[in-house]
Amino acid sequence: MKTKTKTELGFMMYSAISQRIDEAIKNNDTSEIDMIEEMIDYYANNFIVSAAHLREKLENLKGVK
């Protein structure tokens, strides 16, 4: 089994968080905002490149409230 690089792990995390936000927006589900914020904070601290885009998507979810 091949070990994932930090870039691959970062992309996997980005995709998972992004998908979670998309689903929450689609379903008008604001119950996961705190969890998503924690995930983005972790991602931002470890995989800075795309964290701003995730924060922008989270703001869209917060607008659903």
N, C-alpha and C. Protein backbone atom coordinates (compact mmCIF):
# COMPACT_ATOMS: atom_id res chain seq x y z
N MET A 1 0.84 -1.18 0.00
CA MET A 1 0.00 0.00 0.00
C MET A 1 0.89 1.24 0.00
N LYS A 2 0.62 2.13 -0.92
CA LYS A 2 1.42 3.33 -1.06
C LYS A 2 1.04 4.36 0.02
N THR A 3 2.04 4.95 0.65
CA THR A 3 1.82 6.00 1.63
C THR A 3 1.43 7.28 0.92
N LYS A 4 0.43 7.97 1.44
CA LYS A 4 -0.03 9.23 0.85
C LYS A 4 0.94 10.36 1.19
N THR A 5 1.14 11.24 0.22
CA THR A 5 1.96 12.42 0.47
C THR A 5 1.11 13.46 1.19
N LYS A 6 1.76 14.46 1.76
CA LYS A 6 1.02 15.52 2.44
C LYS A 6 0.09 16.23 1.45
N THR A 7 0.52 16.40 0.23
CA THR A 7 -0.33 17.03 -0.78
C THR A 7 -1.57 16.20 -1.05
N GLU A 8 -1.40 14.90 -1.17
CA GLU A 8 -2.54 14.02 -1.41
C GLU A 8 -3.51 14.04 -0.23
N LEU A 9 -2.97 14.01 0.97
CA LEU A 9 -3.81 14.06 2.16
C LEU A 9 -4.55 15.39 2.24
N GLY A 10 -3.85 16.47 1.92
CA GLY A 10 -4.48 17.78 1.93
C GLY A 10 -5.63 17.85 0.96
N PHE A 11 -5.43 17.30 -0.24
CA PHE A 11 -6.49 17.32 -1.24
C PHE A 11 -7.67 16.47 -0.78
N MET A 12 -7.39 15.33 -0.18
CA MET A 12 -8.47 14.47 0.32
C MET A 12 -9.28 15.18 1.40
N MET A 13 -8.58 15.86 2.31
CA MET A 13 -9.26 16.60 3.37
C MET A 13 -10.08 17.75 2.77
N TYR A 14 -9.48 18.49 1.85
CA TYR A 14 -10.18 19.60 1.20
C TYR A 14 -11.46 19.09 0.55
N SER A 15 -11.36 18.00 -0.19
CA SER A 15 -12.52 17.45 -0.88
C SER A 15 -13.61 17.03 0.10
N ALA A 16 -13.21 16.39 1.18
CA ALA A 16 -14.18 15.94 2.17
C ALA A 16 -14.90 17.12 2.84
N ILE A 17 -14.14 18.14 3.22
CA ILE A 17 -14.74 19.31 3.86
C ILE A 17 -15.65 20.04 2.87
N SER A 18 -15.16 20.22 1.67
CA SER A 18 -15.94 20.91 0.64
C SER A 18 -17.25 20.19 0.37
N GLN A 19 -17.20 18.88 0.26
CA GLN A 19 -18.40 18.09 0.01
C GLN A 19 -19.37 18.20 1.19
N ARG A 20 -18.84 18.19 2.39
CA ARG A 20 -19.69 18.32 3.58
C ARG A 20 -20.42 19.67 3.60
N ILE A 21 -19.71 20.73 3.23
CA ILE A 21 -20.33 22.05 3.16
C ILE A 21 -21.38 22.09 2.06
N ASP A 22 -21.06 21.55 0.89
CA ASP A 22 -22.02 21.52 -0.22
C ASP A 22 -23.31 20.82 0.18
N GLU A 23 -23.17 19.67 0.86
CA GLU A 23 -24.35 18.93 1.30
C GLU A 23 -25.17 19.73 2.31
N ALA A 24 -24.47 20.39 3.23
CA ALA A 24 -25.16 21.19 4.24
C ALA A 24 -25.91 22.36 3.60
N ILE A 25 -25.29 23.00 2.61
CA ILE A 25 -25.95 24.10 1.91
C ILE A 25 -27.17 23.56 1.15
N LYS A 26 -26.99 22.46 0.45
CA LYS A 26 -28.06 21.86 -0.33
C LYS A 26 -29.26 21.52 0.54
N ASN A 27 -28.99 21.04 1.76
CA ASN A 27 -30.06 20.60 2.67
C ASN A 27 -30.45 21.67 3.69
N ASN A 28 -29.91 22.88 3.54
CA ASN A 28 -30.16 23.96 4.50
C ASN A 28 -29.92 23.49 5.93
N ASP A 29 -28.84 22.74 6.12
CA ASP A 29 -28.50 22.15 7.42
C ASP A 29 -27.40 22.95 8.08
N THR A 30 -27.77 23.78 9.05
CA THR A 30 -26.78 24.61 9.73
C THR A 30 -26.25 23.95 11.01
N SER A 31 -26.70 22.74 11.30
CA SER A 31 -26.31 22.07 12.54
C SER A 31 -24.83 21.69 12.59
N GLU A 32 -24.18 21.64 11.43
CA GLU A 32 -22.79 21.20 11.40
C GLU A 32 -21.79 22.36 11.30
N ILE A 33 -22.25 23.58 11.44
CA ILE A 33 -21.37 24.73 11.27
C ILE A 33 -20.17 24.66 12.21
N ASP A 34 -20.40 24.37 13.49
CA ASP A 34 -19.29 24.32 14.45
C ASP A 34 -18.27 23.25 14.08
N MET A 35 -18.76 22.07 13.70
CA MET A 35 -17.85 20.98 13.31
C MET A 35 -17.06 21.36 12.07
N ILE A 36 -17.72 21.95 11.10
CA ILE A 36 -17.05 22.34 9.86
C ILE A 36 -16.01 23.41 10.15
N GLU A 37 -16.32 24.36 11.04
CA GLU A 37 -15.34 25.39 11.41
C GLU A 37 -14.09 24.75 12.02
N GLU A 38 -14.28 23.76 12.89
CA GLU A 38 -13.14 23.07 13.49
C GLU A 38 -12.31 22.35 12.43
N MET A 39 -12.99 21.73 11.49
CA MET A 39 -12.30 21.02 10.41
C MET A 39 -11.48 22.00 9.57
N ILE A 40 -12.08 23.16 9.26
CA ILE A 40 -11.39 24.16 8.46
C ILE A 40 -10.20 24.73 9.23
N ASP A 41 -10.37 24.96 10.53
CA ASP A 41 -9.25 25.45 11.35
C ASP A 41 -8.09 24.47 11.31
N TYR A 42 -8.39 23.19 11.47
CA TYR A 42 -7.33 22.17 11.41
C TYR A 42 -6.67 22.19 10.03
N TYR A 43 -7.51 22.22 9.01
CA TYR A 43 -7.01 22.23 7.63
C TYR A 43 -6.13 23.45 7.39
N ALA A 44 -6.60 24.61 7.86
CA ALA A 44 -5.85 25.86 7.67
C ALA A 44 -4.49 25.81 8.35
N ASN A 45 -4.44 25.20 9.51
CA ASN A 45 -3.18 25.09 10.23
C ASN A 45 -2.21 24.11 9.60
N ASN A 46 -2.74 23.16 8.85
CA ASN A 46 -1.89 22.11 8.30
C ASN A 46 -1.81 22.11 6.77
N PHE A 47 -2.81 22.67 6.13
CA PHE A 47 -2.87 22.68 4.67
C PHE A 47 -3.41 24.03 4.22
N ILE A 48 -2.62 25.06 4.32
CA ILE A 48 -3.05 26.45 4.17
C ILE A 48 -3.60 26.78 2.78
N VAL A 49 -3.16 26.13 1.76
CA VAL A 49 -3.41 26.54 0.38
C VAL A 49 -4.88 26.85 0.07
N SER A 50 -5.81 25.99 0.43
CA SER A 50 -7.20 26.16 0.01
C SER A 50 -8.16 26.50 1.14
N ALA A 51 -7.66 26.82 2.30
CA ALA A 51 -8.53 27.09 3.45
C ALA A 51 -9.43 28.30 3.21
N ALA A 52 -8.95 29.31 2.52
CA ALA A 52 -9.76 30.51 2.28
C ALA A 52 -11.02 30.17 1.48
N HIS A 53 -10.89 29.30 0.51
CA HIS A 53 -12.05 28.91 -0.29
C HIS A 53 -13.08 28.19 0.58
N LEU A 54 -12.60 27.33 1.49
CA LEU A 54 -13.53 26.63 2.37
C LEU A 54 -14.22 27.60 3.32
N ARG A 55 -13.50 28.60 3.80
CA ARG A 55 -14.13 29.60 4.68
C ARG A 55 -15.22 30.35 3.93
N GLU A 56 -14.97 30.66 2.67
CA GLU A 56 -15.96 31.35 1.85
C GLU A 56 -17.21 30.50 1.70
N LYS A 57 -17.05 29.21 1.48
CA LYS A 57 -18.19 28.32 1.35
C LYS A 57 -18.95 28.22 2.67
N LEU A 58 -18.20 28.21 3.78
CA LEU A 58 -18.84 28.16 5.09
C LEU A 58 -19.67 29.41 5.33
N GLU A 59 -19.19 30.55 4.89
CA GLU A 59 -19.97 31.78 5.02
C GLU A 59 -21.27 31.68 4.25
N ASN A 60 -21.26 31.00 3.11
CA ASN A 60 -22.49 30.76 2.36
C ASN A 60 -23.46 29.93 3.19
N LEU A 61 -22.92 28.92 3.88
CA LEU A 61 -23.77 28.09 4.74
C LEU A 61 -24.33 28.91 5.90
N LYS A 62 -23.51 29.76 6.48
CA LYS A 62 -24.00 30.59 7.58
C LYS A 62 -25.11 31.52 7.12
N GLY A 63 -25.08 31.92 5.87
CA GLY A 63 -26.12 32.77 5.32
C GLY A 63 -27.46 32.06 5.21
N VAL A 64 -27.44 30.74 5.29
CA VAL A 64 -28.66 29.94 5.22
C VAL A 64 -29.47 30.06 6.50
N LYS A 65 -28.81 30.36 7.62
CA LYS A 65 -29.48 30.44 8.93
C LYS A 65 -30.69 31.34 8.89
